[in-house]
Amino acid sequence: MKYAQHASMDLALNDIKNNGNRLHLLSQAPGLTGGIPNYADVATYSLGNVALASGDFTVQDGAVSGRRITVAQKTVTGSAGGTAVCAVVIDTGNTVIKAVTTCPSFTVTNGVAFVVAAYDAWEIQDPT
């Protein structure tokens, strides 16, 4: 038998909700060091970013099973031109990446605002 209480899953997701305070759209995924995404790569590859608050996140039942966290729709103004390929939620206070999610590629233009639709940042599925 395998079991994980949803409240335990929520602790991990609430860490993203309570500490993830900026959303960046990147032109490439951050590199990895020891399996951990490189925080410094966010500044290198960022095409635009916007502030996040805990109210921009929703922790809820997973799409498949378990629990997931959804990031609300946000408007971002491009700070560089390029093709966005992933969204990254960061914690600027602790200088860590909280969640990385690939996204459909789209063009970002420097100085032009665009809407990032709400998306599921991460899902913790029930053990099988």
N, C-alpha and C. Protein backbone atom coordinates (compact mmCIF):
# COMPACT_ATOMS: atom_id res chain seq x y z
N MET A 1 0.84 -1.18 0.00
CA MET A 1 0.00 0.00 0.00
C MET A 1 0.89 1.24 0.00
N LYS A 2 0.48 2.22 -0.77
CA LYS A 2 1.13 3.53 -0.78
C LYS A 2 0.06 4.58 -0.55
N TYR A 3 0.40 5.57 0.27
CA TYR A 3 -0.57 6.62 0.60
C TYR A 3 0.18 7.90 0.93
N ALA A 4 -0.36 9.03 0.52
CA ALA A 4 0.15 10.34 0.93
C ALA A 4 -1.05 11.23 1.20
N GLN A 5 -1.09 11.79 2.39
CA GLN A 5 -2.19 12.68 2.78
C GLN A 5 -2.11 13.96 1.95
N HIS A 6 -3.26 14.42 1.46
CA HIS A 6 -3.29 15.64 0.66
C HIS A 6 -2.77 16.85 1.43
N ALA A 7 -2.99 16.89 2.73
CA ALA A 7 -2.47 18.00 3.54
C ALA A 7 -0.94 18.04 3.48
N SER A 8 -0.30 16.88 3.40
CA SER A 8 1.16 16.84 3.27
C SER A 8 1.60 17.37 1.92
N MET A 9 0.86 17.03 0.87
CA MET A 9 1.17 17.55 -0.47
C MET A 9 1.00 19.06 -0.48
N ASP A 10 -0.04 19.54 0.20
CA ASP A 10 -0.31 20.98 0.24
C ASP A 10 0.83 21.76 0.89
N LEU A 11 1.56 21.15 1.82
CA LEU A 11 2.69 21.84 2.44
C LEU A 11 3.72 22.24 1.38
N ALA A 12 4.02 21.33 0.47
CA ALA A 12 4.97 21.64 -0.60
C ALA A 12 4.41 22.71 -1.53
N LEU A 13 3.16 22.57 -1.91
CA LEU A 13 2.56 23.53 -2.83
C LEU A 13 2.40 24.90 -2.17
N ASN A 14 2.10 24.93 -0.89
CA ASN A 14 1.96 26.20 -0.18
C ASN A 14 3.31 26.92 -0.05
N ASP A 15 4.41 26.19 -0.11
CA ASP A 15 5.72 26.84 -0.12
C ASP A 15 5.87 27.67 -1.40
N ILE A 16 5.42 27.14 -2.52
CA ILE A 16 5.43 27.90 -3.77
C ILE A 16 4.50 29.11 -3.63
N LYS A 17 3.29 28.87 -3.13
CA LYS A 17 2.29 29.93 -2.98
C LYS A 17 2.77 31.05 -2.07
N ASN A 18 3.38 30.70 -0.96
CA ASN A 18 3.75 31.69 0.05
C ASN A 18 5.09 32.37 -0.23
N ASN A 19 5.94 31.76 -1.04
CA ASN A 19 7.28 32.31 -1.26
C ASN A 19 7.59 32.66 -2.72
N GLY A 20 6.83 32.12 -3.66
CA GLY A 20 7.05 32.45 -5.07
C GLY A 20 6.51 33.85 -5.33
N ASN A 21 7.39 34.82 -5.60
CA ASN A 21 6.93 36.19 -5.70
C ASN A 21 7.19 36.86 -7.06
N ARG A 22 7.74 36.13 -8.03
CA ARG A 22 7.91 36.68 -9.38
C ARG A 22 7.74 35.56 -10.39
N LEU A 23 7.09 35.92 -11.49
CA LEU A 23 6.93 35.01 -12.63
C LEU A 23 7.78 35.56 -13.77
N HIS A 24 8.67 34.73 -14.30
CA HIS A 24 9.50 35.10 -15.46
C HIS A 24 9.15 34.19 -16.63
N LEU A 25 9.17 34.76 -17.83
CA LEU A 25 9.06 33.98 -19.06
C LEU A 25 10.46 33.92 -19.64
N LEU A 26 10.95 32.72 -19.91
CA LEU A 26 12.33 32.54 -20.34
C LEU A 26 12.44 32.06 -21.78
N SER A 27 13.55 32.45 -22.42
CA SER A 27 13.82 32.03 -23.79
C SER A 27 14.39 30.62 -23.85
N GLN A 28 14.89 30.13 -22.74
CA GLN A 28 15.30 28.73 -22.63
C GLN A 28 15.23 28.32 -21.17
N ALA A 29 15.12 27.04 -20.95
CA ALA A 29 15.03 26.54 -19.58
C ALA A 29 16.34 26.79 -18.86
N PRO A 30 16.28 27.06 -17.56
CA PRO A 30 17.52 27.25 -16.80
C PRO A 30 18.32 25.95 -16.79
N GLY A 31 19.64 26.10 -16.76
CA GLY A 31 20.50 24.93 -16.65
C GLY A 31 20.37 24.29 -15.28
N LEU A 32 20.93 23.11 -15.14
CA LEU A 32 20.85 22.37 -13.88
C LEU A 32 22.24 22.19 -13.28
N THR A 33 22.30 22.30 -11.96
CA THR A 33 23.49 21.96 -11.21
C THR A 33 23.06 20.98 -10.14
N GLY A 34 23.52 19.75 -10.24
CA GLY A 34 23.10 18.74 -9.27
C GLY A 34 21.60 18.50 -9.30
N GLY A 35 20.99 18.68 -10.48
CA GLY A 35 19.55 18.46 -10.64
C GLY A 35 18.70 19.64 -10.21
N ILE A 36 19.31 20.73 -9.77
CA ILE A 36 18.59 21.92 -9.31
C ILE A 36 18.73 23.03 -10.35
N PRO A 37 17.62 23.65 -10.78
CA PRO A 37 17.70 24.72 -11.78
C PRO A 37 18.53 25.91 -11.25
N ASN A 38 19.35 26.48 -12.13
CA ASN A 38 20.22 27.60 -11.78
C ASN A 38 19.44 28.91 -11.71
N TYR A 39 19.40 29.51 -10.54
CA TYR A 39 18.69 30.77 -10.32
C TYR A 39 19.26 31.88 -11.20
N ALA A 40 20.58 31.94 -11.35
CA ALA A 40 21.22 33.01 -12.14
C ALA A 40 20.75 32.99 -13.60
N ASP A 41 20.37 31.83 -14.11
CA ASP A 41 19.92 31.73 -15.50
C ASP A 41 18.61 32.47 -15.74
N VAL A 42 17.83 32.70 -14.68
CA VAL A 42 16.56 33.43 -14.84
C VAL A 42 16.84 34.82 -15.41
N ALA A 43 17.79 35.54 -14.83
CA ALA A 43 18.12 36.88 -15.32
C ALA A 43 18.70 36.81 -16.74
N THR A 44 19.47 35.78 -17.03
CA THR A 44 20.09 35.63 -18.35
C THR A 44 19.07 35.41 -19.45
N TYR A 45 18.05 34.60 -19.19
CA TYR A 45 17.11 34.19 -20.23
C TYR A 45 15.74 34.86 -20.15
N SER A 46 15.54 35.75 -19.17
CA SER A 46 14.22 36.37 -18.97
C SER A 46 13.84 37.29 -20.12
N LEU A 47 12.60 37.12 -20.59
CA LEU A 47 12.04 37.99 -21.63
C LEU A 47 11.02 38.96 -21.05
N GLY A 48 10.66 38.76 -19.79
CA GLY A 48 9.69 39.60 -19.12
C GLY A 48 9.29 38.95 -17.81
N ASN A 49 8.85 39.77 -16.85
CA ASN A 49 8.46 39.22 -15.55
C ASN A 49 7.41 40.10 -14.91
N VAL A 50 6.76 39.54 -13.91
CA VAL A 50 5.71 40.25 -13.19
C VAL A 50 5.71 39.75 -11.74
N ALA A 51 5.32 40.64 -10.83
CA ALA A 51 5.22 40.28 -9.41
C ALA A 51 4.06 39.31 -9.19
N LEU A 52 4.24 38.44 -8.22
CA LEU A 52 3.19 37.51 -7.80
C LEU A 52 2.95 37.69 -6.30
N ALA A 53 1.72 37.45 -5.89
CA ALA A 53 1.35 37.44 -4.47
C ALA A 53 0.67 36.10 -4.18
N SER A 54 0.54 35.76 -2.93
CA SER A 54 -0.05 34.46 -2.59
C SER A 54 -1.45 34.29 -3.18
N GLY A 55 -2.18 35.40 -3.35
CA GLY A 55 -3.52 35.34 -3.94
C GLY A 55 -3.52 34.99 -5.42
N ASP A 56 -2.34 34.99 -6.06
CA ASP A 56 -2.23 34.61 -7.47
C ASP A 56 -2.13 33.11 -7.66
N PHE A 57 -2.11 32.36 -6.57
CA PHE A 57 -1.98 30.90 -6.62
C PHE A 57 -3.22 30.24 -6.05
N THR A 58 -3.59 29.11 -6.63
CA THR A 58 -4.68 28.30 -6.09
C THR A 58 -4.18 26.87 -5.93
N VAL A 59 -4.28 26.35 -4.71
CA VAL A 59 -3.96 24.95 -4.43
C VAL A 59 -5.28 24.19 -4.45
N GLN A 60 -5.34 23.13 -5.25
CA GLN A 60 -6.61 22.41 -5.44
C GLN A 60 -6.35 20.96 -5.81
N ASP A 61 -7.42 20.20 -5.99
CA ASP A 61 -7.28 18.82 -6.42
C ASP A 61 -6.53 18.77 -7.74
N GLY A 62 -5.73 17.73 -7.92
CA GLY A 62 -4.97 17.57 -9.14
C GLY A 62 -5.86 17.25 -10.34
N ALA A 63 -5.36 17.55 -11.52
CA ALA A 63 -6.09 17.23 -12.75
C ALA A 63 -6.16 15.72 -12.95
N VAL A 64 -5.11 15.01 -12.52
CA VAL A 64 -5.07 13.55 -12.63
C VAL A 64 -5.40 12.92 -11.29
N SER A 65 -4.68 13.33 -10.25
CA SER A 65 -4.90 12.85 -8.88
C SER A 65 -4.10 13.75 -7.96
N GLY A 66 -4.16 13.52 -6.68
CA GLY A 66 -3.36 14.31 -5.75
C GLY A 66 -3.76 15.76 -5.69
N ARG A 67 -2.75 16.65 -5.73
CA ARG A 67 -2.98 18.08 -5.58
C ARG A 67 -2.15 18.84 -6.61
N ARG A 68 -2.58 20.06 -6.96
CA ARG A 68 -1.85 20.89 -7.91
C ARG A 68 -1.93 22.35 -7.48
N ILE A 69 -1.04 23.15 -8.06
CA ILE A 69 -1.05 24.59 -7.83
C ILE A 69 -1.18 25.28 -9.18
N THR A 70 -2.12 26.22 -9.24
CA THR A 70 -2.39 26.97 -10.46
C THR A 70 -1.98 28.43 -10.24
N VAL A 71 -1.32 29.00 -11.26
CA VAL A 71 -0.94 30.42 -11.24
C VAL A 71 -2.00 31.19 -12.02
N ALA A 72 -2.47 32.28 -11.45
CA ALA A 72 -3.52 33.10 -12.08
C ALA A 72 -3.01 33.78 -13.36
N GLN A 73 -3.95 34.16 -14.21
CA GLN A 73 -3.63 34.93 -15.40
C GLN A 73 -2.93 36.23 -15.00
N LYS A 74 -1.86 36.56 -15.71
CA LYS A 74 -1.10 37.77 -15.41
C LYS A 74 -0.75 38.50 -16.72
N THR A 75 -0.62 39.82 -16.65
CA THR A 75 -0.14 40.61 -17.78
C THR A 75 1.32 40.93 -17.54
N VAL A 76 2.14 40.64 -18.55
CA VAL A 76 3.59 40.84 -18.47
C VAL A 76 4.00 41.77 -19.60
N THR A 77 4.91 42.69 -19.34
CA THR A 77 5.47 43.53 -20.39
C THR A 77 6.85 42.99 -20.73
N GLY A 78 7.07 42.76 -22.02
CA GLY A 78 8.36 42.23 -22.46
C GLY A 78 9.50 43.16 -22.10
N SER A 79 10.59 42.59 -21.57
CA SER A 79 11.79 43.36 -21.26
C SER A 79 12.91 43.05 -22.24
N ALA A 80 12.65 42.10 -23.14
CA ALA A 80 13.58 41.72 -24.20
C ALA A 80 12.75 41.03 -25.28
N GLY A 81 13.29 40.95 -26.47
CA GLY A 81 12.60 40.24 -27.54
C GLY A 81 13.11 38.83 -27.66
N GLY A 82 12.23 37.92 -28.04
CA GLY A 82 12.63 36.53 -28.23
C GLY A 82 11.45 35.60 -28.17
N THR A 83 11.74 34.32 -28.14
CA THR A 83 10.70 33.29 -28.07
C THR A 83 10.67 32.68 -26.68
N ALA A 84 9.56 32.82 -26.00
CA ALA A 84 9.40 32.24 -24.65
C ALA A 84 9.11 30.76 -24.78
N VAL A 85 9.77 29.95 -23.96
CA VAL A 85 9.57 28.50 -23.98
C VAL A 85 9.22 27.92 -22.61
N CYS A 86 9.42 28.72 -21.55
CA CYS A 86 9.04 28.21 -20.23
C CYS A 86 8.72 29.36 -19.28
N ALA A 87 7.92 29.03 -18.27
CA ALA A 87 7.54 29.96 -17.21
C ALA A 87 8.22 29.49 -15.93
N VAL A 88 8.74 30.46 -15.16
CA VAL A 88 9.47 30.14 -13.94
C VAL A 88 8.93 31.00 -12.81
N VAL A 89 8.60 30.37 -11.70
CA VAL A 89 8.22 31.08 -10.48
C VAL A 89 9.44 31.08 -9.58
N ILE A 90 9.85 32.29 -9.14
CA ILE A 90 11.03 32.39 -8.29
C ILE A 90 10.69 33.01 -6.94
N ASP A 91 11.57 32.76 -5.99
CA ASP A 91 11.53 33.35 -4.65
C ASP A 91 12.74 34.27 -4.59
N THR A 92 12.52 35.59 -4.75
CA THR A 92 13.63 36.53 -4.79
C THR A 92 14.30 36.69 -3.42
N GLY A 93 13.57 36.49 -2.34
CA GLY A 93 14.14 36.62 -1.00
C GLY A 93 15.17 35.56 -0.69
N ASN A 94 14.92 34.35 -1.17
CA ASN A 94 15.84 33.23 -0.93
C ASN A 94 16.65 32.87 -2.16
N THR A 95 16.48 33.64 -3.24
CA THR A 95 17.17 33.44 -4.52
C THR A 95 17.14 31.98 -4.99
N VAL A 96 15.91 31.45 -5.08
CA VAL A 96 15.71 30.10 -5.58
C VAL A 96 14.56 30.06 -6.58
N ILE A 97 14.63 29.09 -7.45
CA ILE A 97 13.52 28.82 -8.37
C ILE A 97 12.57 27.87 -7.66
N LYS A 98 11.29 28.23 -7.63
CA LYS A 98 10.29 27.40 -6.97
C LYS A 98 9.62 26.41 -7.92
N ALA A 99 9.42 26.81 -9.19
CA ALA A 99 8.75 25.93 -10.15
C ALA A 99 9.12 26.36 -11.56
N VAL A 100 9.36 25.39 -12.43
CA VAL A 100 9.63 25.62 -13.85
C VAL A 100 8.60 24.81 -14.63
N THR A 101 8.00 25.45 -15.62
CA THR A 101 7.00 24.78 -16.45
C THR A 101 7.25 25.14 -17.91
N THR A 102 7.34 24.15 -18.78
CA THR A 102 7.44 24.46 -20.21
C THR A 102 6.11 25.05 -20.66
N CYS A 103 6.16 25.86 -21.72
CA CYS A 103 4.94 26.46 -22.25
C CYS A 103 5.00 26.40 -23.77
N PRO A 104 3.85 26.52 -24.42
CA PRO A 104 3.89 26.60 -25.88
C PRO A 104 4.73 27.82 -26.29
N SER A 105 5.60 27.66 -27.26
CA SER A 105 6.47 28.76 -27.70
C SER A 105 5.64 29.93 -28.22
N PHE A 106 6.03 31.15 -27.84
CA PHE A 106 5.39 32.34 -28.37
C PHE A 106 6.39 33.48 -28.38
N THR A 107 6.17 34.44 -29.27
CA THR A 107 7.09 35.56 -29.44
C THR A 107 6.79 36.67 -28.45
N VAL A 108 7.85 37.16 -27.81
CA VAL A 108 7.76 38.29 -26.89
C VAL A 108 8.49 39.46 -27.53
N THR A 109 7.88 40.64 -27.48
CA THR A 109 8.48 41.86 -28.03
C THR A 109 8.81 42.81 -26.89
N ASN A 110 10.01 43.33 -26.90
CA ASN A 110 10.44 44.27 -25.87
C ASN A 110 9.48 45.45 -25.79
N GLY A 111 8.98 45.74 -24.59
CA GLY A 111 8.10 46.88 -24.36
C GLY A 111 6.63 46.64 -24.64
N VAL A 112 6.29 45.47 -25.14
CA VAL A 112 4.89 45.16 -25.47
C VAL A 112 4.30 44.25 -24.39
N ALA A 113 3.12 44.62 -23.90
CA ALA A 113 2.43 43.82 -22.88
C ALA A 113 1.73 42.63 -23.53
N PHE A 114 1.70 41.52 -22.81
CA PHE A 114 0.99 40.33 -23.28
C PHE A 114 0.41 39.62 -22.06
N VAL A 115 -0.59 38.80 -22.30
CA VAL A 115 -1.27 38.09 -21.22
C VAL A 115 -0.76 36.65 -21.15
N VAL A 116 -0.39 36.24 -19.95
CA VAL A 116 -0.05 34.85 -19.69
C VAL A 116 -1.29 34.23 -19.05
N ALA A 117 -1.90 33.28 -19.74
CA ALA A 117 -3.10 32.64 -19.23
C ALA A 117 -2.79 31.87 -17.95
N ALA A 118 -3.79 31.67 -17.13
CA ALA A 118 -3.63 30.85 -15.93
C ALA A 118 -3.11 29.48 -16.34
N TYR A 119 -2.23 28.91 -15.52
CA TYR A 119 -1.67 27.60 -15.86
C TYR A 119 -1.36 26.82 -14.58
N ASP A 120 -1.31 25.49 -14.74
CA ASP A 120 -0.93 24.62 -13.63
C ASP A 120 0.59 24.57 -13.57
N ALA A 121 1.15 25.08 -12.47
CA ALA A 121 2.60 25.14 -12.33
C ALA A 121 3.18 23.79 -11.94
N TRP A 122 2.43 23.02 -11.15
CA TRP A 122 2.98 21.76 -10.66
C TRP A 122 1.86 20.91 -10.11
N GLU A 123 1.98 19.60 -10.25
CA GLU A 123 1.00 18.66 -9.69
C GLU A 123 1.74 17.54 -8.97
N ILE A 124 1.29 17.25 -7.77
CA ILE A 124 1.81 16.10 -7.01
C ILE A 124 0.73 15.04 -7.10
N GLN A 125 1.02 13.97 -7.80
CA GLN A 125 0.02 12.92 -7.97
C GLN A 125 0.03 11.95 -6.79
N ASP A 126 -1.11 11.32 -6.56
CA ASP A 126 -1.21 10.31 -5.52
C ASP A 126 -0.23 9.17 -5.84
N PRO A 127 0.37 8.56 -4.82
CA PRO A 127 1.26 7.43 -5.06
C PRO A 127 0.51 6.25 -5.69
N THR A 128 1.20 5.53 -6.55
CA THR A 128 0.57 4.35 -7.16
C THR A 128 1.34 3.10 -6.84
